[in-house]
Amino acid sequence: MSPSPTATAAASPSGPGCSAIEGNLAEVADQPVGTAISSLSQLSKLSEAVKKAGLEEKLDSATDITVFAPDDKAFDAIPKEAQDKLMANKEALTKLLSYHVVTGKKAPSDLVEGATLKTMQGGSLTVKGSGDNLTINDAKIVCGGVTTKNATLYIVDKILLPH
């Protein structure tokens, strides 16, 4: 009898910043991605944005997606006035956040130099680099390959901006 897909071990998260992530990355494996985002302290500002855009339930109910999640430092790099304006504009916030989501659970091995990923927003993301030195557009992956119940999560150091 072969093991069920849920019983097989997922690859461990990897990246230069995984050890600094507060919260147990293994615990989010049983959580849908919207809930997982809200349980990781480094993603508190993203969690707030997801809630303001009304996307938490949509993320939680989606199947087989990949989320490139900007950490709190990425939000801190934006002037407060611009952050406040963005958070107050649900339509713009929804478009921006949808640019961080692609269909399919992308394993780290799927993220190879030159790969292009189509976003839920309709744009595309480009992968550069390899190993622990991967970027999506110009955002470095801090910790990648985090498995949640319905998604693969990659924590990035910048907010991805549609071109």
C-alpha atoms as a PDB file:
ATOM      1  CA  MET A   1       0.000   0.000   0.000  1.00  0.00           C
ATOM      2  CA  SER A   2       1.482   3.313  -1.014  1.00  0.00           C
ATOM      3  CA  PRO A   3       1.299   6.291   1.342  1.00  0.00           C
ATOM      4  CA  SER A   4      -1.327   8.920   0.689  1.00  0.00           C
ATOM      5  CA  PRO A   5      -0.089  12.264  -0.683  1.00  0.00           C
ATOM      6  CA  THR A   6      -0.743  13.899   2.691  1.00  0.00           C
ATOM      7  CA  ALA A   7       1.350  11.285   4.473  1.00  0.00           C
ATOM      8  CA  THR A   8       4.458  11.880   2.396  1.00  0.00           C
ATOM      9  CA  ALA A   9       6.963  14.268   3.862  1.00  0.00           C
ATOM     10  CA  ALA A  10       7.037  17.698   2.282  1.00  0.00           C
ATOM     11  CA  ALA A  11      10.373  19.289   1.521  1.00  0.00           C
ATOM     12  CA  SER A  12      11.639  21.442   4.346  1.00  0.00           C
ATOM     13  CA  PRO A  13      11.409  25.189   3.863  1.00  0.00           C
ATOM     14  CA  SER A  14      14.688  26.672   2.714  1.00  0.00           C
ATOM     15  CA  GLY A  15      16.271  30.053   2.352  1.00  0.00           C
ATOM     16  CA  PRO A  16      18.588  32.402   4.187  1.00  0.00           C
ATOM     17  CA  GLY A  17      15.843  33.711   6.490  1.00  0.00           C
ATOM     18  CA  CYS A  18      13.966  30.547   7.467  1.00  0.00           C
ATOM     19  CA  SER A  19      15.714  30.257  10.829  1.00  0.00           C
ATOM     20  CA  ALA A  20      14.572  33.772  11.763  1.00  0.00           C
ATOM     21  CA  ILE A  21      10.872  33.061  11.149  1.00  0.00           C
ATOM     22  CA  GLU A  22       8.973  33.201  14.417  1.00  0.00           C
ATOM     23  CA  GLY A  23       6.373  30.503  14.757  1.00  0.00           C
ATOM     24  CA  ASN A  24       6.635  26.877  13.816  1.00  0.00           C
ATOM     25  CA  LEU A  25       6.683  26.517  10.035  1.00  0.00           C
ATOM     26  CA  ALA A  26       5.656  22.858  10.432  1.00  0.00           C
ATOM     27  CA  GLU A  27       2.427  23.925  12.188  1.00  0.00           C
ATOM     28  CA  VAL A  28       1.206  25.856   9.132  1.00  0.00           C
ATOM     29  CA  ALA A  29       1.228  22.656   7.054  1.00  0.00           C
ATOM     30  CA  ASP A  30      -2.281  21.867   8.338  1.00  0.00           C
ATOM     31  CA  GLN A  31      -3.577  25.426   7.911  1.00  0.00           C
ATOM     32  CA  PRO A  32      -4.996  26.999   4.759  1.00  0.00           C
ATOM     33  CA  VAL A  33      -2.677  29.728   3.466  1.00  0.00           C
ATOM     34  CA  GLY A  34      -4.755  32.747   4.591  1.00  0.00           C
ATOM     35  CA  THR A  35      -4.773  31.395   8.140  1.00  0.00           C
ATOM     36  CA  ALA A  36      -1.085  30.465   7.912  1.00  0.00           C
ATOM     37  CA  ILE A  37      -0.192  34.031   6.901  1.00  0.00           C
ATOM     38  CA  SER A  38      -2.019  35.387   9.955  1.00  0.00           C
ATOM     39  CA  SER A  39      -0.182  32.964  12.258  1.00  0.00           C
ATOM     40  CA  LEU A  40       3.346  34.026  11.242  1.00  0.00           C
ATOM     41  CA  SER A  41       4.424  37.190  13.067  1.00  0.00           C
ATOM     42  CA  GLN A  42       6.733  38.355  10.225  1.00  0.00           C
ATOM     43  CA  LEU A  43       3.657  38.554   7.979  1.00  0.00           C
ATOM     44  CA  SER A  44       1.413  40.640  10.257  1.00  0.00           C
ATOM     45  CA  LYS A  45       1.201  43.564   7.809  1.00  0.00           C
ATOM     46  CA  LEU A  46       0.404  41.246   4.907  1.00  0.00           C
ATOM     47  CA  SER A  47      -2.241  39.597   7.085  1.00  0.00           C
ATOM     48  CA  GLU A  48      -3.780  43.015   7.775  1.00  0.00           C
ATOM     49  CA  ALA A  49      -3.758  43.825   4.038  1.00  0.00           C
ATOM     50  CA  VAL A  50      -5.359  40.472   3.156  1.00  0.00           C
ATOM     51  CA  LYS A  51      -8.126  41.111   5.707  1.00  0.00           C
ATOM     52  CA  LYS A  52      -8.721  44.692   4.498  1.00  0.00           C
ATOM     53  CA  ALA A  53      -8.994  43.428   0.920  1.00  0.00           C
ATOM     54  CA  GLY A  54     -11.423  40.718   2.038  1.00  0.00           C
ATOM     55  CA  LEU A  55      -9.190  37.989   0.605  1.00  0.00           C
ATOM     56  CA  GLU A  56      -8.575  35.731   3.627  1.00  0.00           C
ATOM     57  CA  GLU A  57     -11.509  33.408   2.871  1.00  0.00           C
ATOM     58  CA  LYS A  58     -10.645  33.383  -0.847  1.00  0.00           C
ATOM     59  CA  LEU A  59      -7.058  32.367  -0.065  1.00  0.00           C
ATOM     60  CA  ASP A  60      -8.213  29.776   2.468  1.00  0.00           C
ATOM     61  CA  SER A  61     -10.655  28.170   0.017  1.00  0.00           C
ATOM     62  CA  ALA A  62      -8.357  28.235  -3.035  1.00  0.00           C
ATOM     63  CA  THR A  63      -6.786  24.971  -4.153  1.00  0.00           C
ATOM     64  CA  ASP A  64      -3.202  24.472  -5.231  1.00  0.00           C
ATOM     65  CA  ILE A  65      -1.790  27.988  -5.293  1.00  0.00           C
ATOM     66  CA  THR A  66       1.562  29.583  -4.568  1.00  0.00           C
ATOM     67  CA  VAL A  67       1.761  32.807  -2.575  1.00  0.00           C
ATOM     68  CA  PHE A  68       4.768  35.141  -2.583  1.00  0.00           C
ATOM     69  CA  ALA A  69       4.277  36.807   0.792  1.00  0.00           C
ATOM     70  CA  PRO A  70       6.024  40.134   1.475  1.00  0.00           C
ATOM     71  CA  ASP A  71       7.348  40.256   5.024  1.00  0.00           C
ATOM     72  CA  ASP A  72       6.772  43.174   7.387  1.00  0.00           C
ATOM     73  CA  LYS A  73      10.102  44.759   6.370  1.00  0.00           C
ATOM     74  CA  ALA A  74       8.787  44.937   2.785  1.00  0.00           C
ATOM     75  CA  PHE A  75       5.778  46.942   3.979  1.00  0.00           C
ATOM     76  CA  ASP A  76       8.009  49.104   6.208  1.00  0.00           C
ATOM     77  CA  ALA A  77      10.012  50.114   3.110  1.00  0.00           C
ATOM     78  CA  ILE A  78       6.934  51.947   1.793  1.00  0.00           C
ATOM     79  CA  PRO A  79       6.302  55.422   3.258  1.00  0.00           C
ATOM     80  CA  LYS A  80       3.502  55.329   5.854  1.00  0.00           C
ATOM     81  CA  GLU A  81       1.352  57.762   3.871  1.00  0.00           C
ATOM     82  CA  ALA A  82       1.505  55.484   0.804  1.00  0.00           C
ATOM     83  CA  GLN A  83       0.757  52.430   2.990  1.00  0.00           C
ATOM     84  CA  ASP A  84      -2.293  54.132   4.491  1.00  0.00           C
ATOM     85  CA  LYS A  85      -3.541  55.171   1.051  1.00  0.00           C
ATOM     86  CA  LEU A  86      -3.115  51.632  -0.289  1.00  0.00           C
ATOM     87  CA  MET A  87      -4.828  50.050   2.728  1.00  0.00           C
ATOM     88  CA  ALA A  88      -7.795  52.399   2.258  1.00  0.00           C
ATOM     89  CA  ASN A  89      -8.258  51.464  -1.426  1.00  0.00           C
ATOM     90  CA  LYS A  90      -9.740  47.949  -1.469  1.00  0.00           C
ATOM     91  CA  GLU A  91      -9.675  47.642  -5.277  1.00  0.00           C
ATOM     92  CA  ALA A  92      -5.995  48.642  -5.597  1.00  0.00           C
ATOM     93  CA  LEU A  93      -5.071  46.473  -2.608  1.00  0.00           C
ATOM     94  CA  THR A  94      -6.874  43.451  -4.096  1.00  0.00           C
ATOM     95  CA  LYS A  95      -5.064  43.906  -7.443  1.00  0.00           C
ATOM     96  CA  LEU A  96      -1.700  44.250  -5.728  1.00  0.00           C
ATOM     97  CA  LEU A  97      -2.214  41.201  -3.510  1.00  0.00           C
ATOM     98  CA  SER A  98      -3.510  39.112  -6.443  1.00  0.00           C
ATOM     99  CA  TYR A  99      -0.199  39.850  -8.179  1.00  0.00           C
ATOM    100  CA  HIS A 100       1.485  37.841  -5.394  1.00  0.00           C
ATOM    101  CA  VAL A 101      -0.516  34.645  -6.114  1.00  0.00           C
ATOM    102  CA  VAL A 102       0.031  32.103  -8.900  1.00  0.00           C
ATOM    103  CA  THR A 103      -1.875  28.936  -9.720  1.00  0.00           C
ATOM    104  CA  GLY A 104      -0.318  25.604  -8.830  1.00  0.00           C
ATOM    105  CA  LYS A 105       1.796  24.657  -5.838  1.00  0.00           C
ATOM    106  CA  LYS A 106       5.276  25.629  -7.031  1.00  0.00           C
ATOM    107  CA  ALA A 107       8.042  23.606  -5.409  1.00  0.00           C
ATOM    108  CA  PRO A 108      11.479  25.197  -5.033  1.00  0.00           C
ATOM    109  CA  SER A 109      12.613  22.971  -7.923  1.00  0.00           C
ATOM    110  CA  ASP A 110      10.016  24.710 -10.159  1.00  0.00           C
ATOM    111  CA  LEU A 111      11.651  28.088  -9.557  1.00  0.00           C
ATOM    112  CA  VAL A 112      14.487  28.028 -12.056  1.00  0.00           C
ATOM    113  CA  GLU A 113      16.360  30.862 -13.755  1.00  0.00           C
ATOM    114  CA  GLY A 114      14.161  32.456 -16.403  1.00  0.00           C
ATOM    115  CA  ALA A 115      10.893  30.779 -15.368  1.00  0.00           C
ATOM    116  CA  THR A 116       7.827  32.970 -15.845  1.00  0.00           C
ATOM    117  CA  LEU A 117       4.821  32.570 -13.554  1.00  0.00           C
ATOM    118  CA  LYS A 118       1.366  33.922 -14.433  1.00  0.00           C
ATOM    119  CA  THR A 119      -0.295  35.695 -11.518  1.00  0.00           C
ATOM    120  CA  MET A 120      -3.960  35.673 -10.483  1.00  0.00           C
ATOM    121  CA  GLN A 121      -3.920  39.414 -11.272  1.00  0.00           C
ATOM    122  CA  GLY A 122      -3.037  38.628 -14.885  1.00  0.00           C
ATOM    123  CA  GLY A 123       0.574  39.780 -14.886  1.00  0.00           C
ATOM    124  CA  SER A 124       3.683  37.655 -14.751  1.00  0.00           C
ATOM    125  CA  LEU A 125       6.587  37.128 -12.381  1.00  0.00           C
ATOM    126  CA  THR A 126      10.117  36.230 -13.471  1.00  0.00           C
ATOM    127  CA  VAL A 127      12.452  33.962 -11.517  1.00  0.00           C
ATOM    128  CA  LYS A 128      16.171  34.762 -11.369  1.00  0.00           C
ATOM    129  CA  GLY A 129      19.042  33.077  -9.566  1.00  0.00           C
ATOM    130  CA  SER A 130      19.277  29.640  -7.983  1.00  0.00           C
ATOM    131  CA  GLY A 131      19.508  27.844  -4.648  1.00  0.00           C
ATOM    132  CA  ASP A 132      19.297  30.204  -1.670  1.00  0.00           C
ATOM    133  CA  ASN A 133      19.816  33.196  -3.973  1.00  0.00           C
ATOM    134  CA  LEU A 134      16.460  33.278  -5.776  1.00  0.00           C
ATOM    135  CA  THR A 135      14.545  36.399  -6.704  1.00  0.00           C
ATOM    136  CA  ILE A 136      11.025  36.885  -7.998  1.00  0.00           C
ATOM    137  CA  ASN A 137      11.129  40.053 -10.115  1.00  0.00           C
ATOM    138  CA  ASP A 138      13.421  42.062  -7.809  1.00  0.00           C
ATOM    139  CA  ALA A 139      12.330  40.546  -4.479  1.00  0.00           C
ATOM    140  CA  LYS A 140      14.630  38.053  -2.756  1.00  0.00           C
ATOM    141  CA  ILE A 141      13.074  34.882  -1.395  1.00  0.00           C
ATOM    142  CA  VAL A 142      13.823  35.003   2.332  1.00  0.00           C
ATOM    143  CA  CYS A 143      12.255  31.627   3.093  1.00  0.00           C
ATOM    144  CA  GLY A 144      10.644  29.418   0.493  1.00  0.00           C
ATOM    145  CA  GLY A 145       8.830  26.173  -0.003  1.00  0.00           C
ATOM    146  CA  VAL A 146       6.684  26.536   3.127  1.00  0.00           C
ATOM    147  CA  THR A 147       3.861  24.031   2.716  1.00  0.00           C
ATOM    148  CA  THR A 148       0.348  24.906   3.871  1.00  0.00           C
ATOM    149  CA  LYS A 149      -2.860  22.907   3.519  1.00  0.00           C
ATOM    150  CA  ASN A 150      -3.680  24.428   0.122  1.00  0.00           C
ATOM    151  CA  ALA A 151      -0.598  26.350  -1.007  1.00  0.00           C
ATOM    152  CA  THR A 152       3.137  26.748  -1.134  1.00  0.00           C
ATOM    153  CA  LEU A 153       4.320  29.925   0.573  1.00  0.00           C
ATOM    154  CA  TYR A 154       7.451  31.931  -0.241  1.00  0.00           C
ATOM    155  CA  ILE A 155       8.333  34.837   2.042  1.00  0.00           C
ATOM    156  CA  VAL A 156       9.893  37.689   0.047  1.00  0.00           C
ATOM    157  CA  ASP A 157      11.677  40.883   1.101  1.00  0.00           C
ATOM    158  CA  LYS A 158       9.814  43.314  -1.205  1.00  0.00           C
ATOM    159  CA  ILE A 159       6.284  43.975  -2.324  1.00  0.00           C
ATOM    160  CA  LEU A 160       5.934  42.801  -5.925  1.00  0.00           C
ATOM    161  CA  LEU A 161       4.719  45.610  -8.153  1.00  0.00           C
ATOM    162  CA  PRO A 162       2.937  44.883 -11.432  1.00  0.00           C
ATOM    163  CA  HIS A 163       4.769  46.325 -14.444  1.00  0.00           C
END
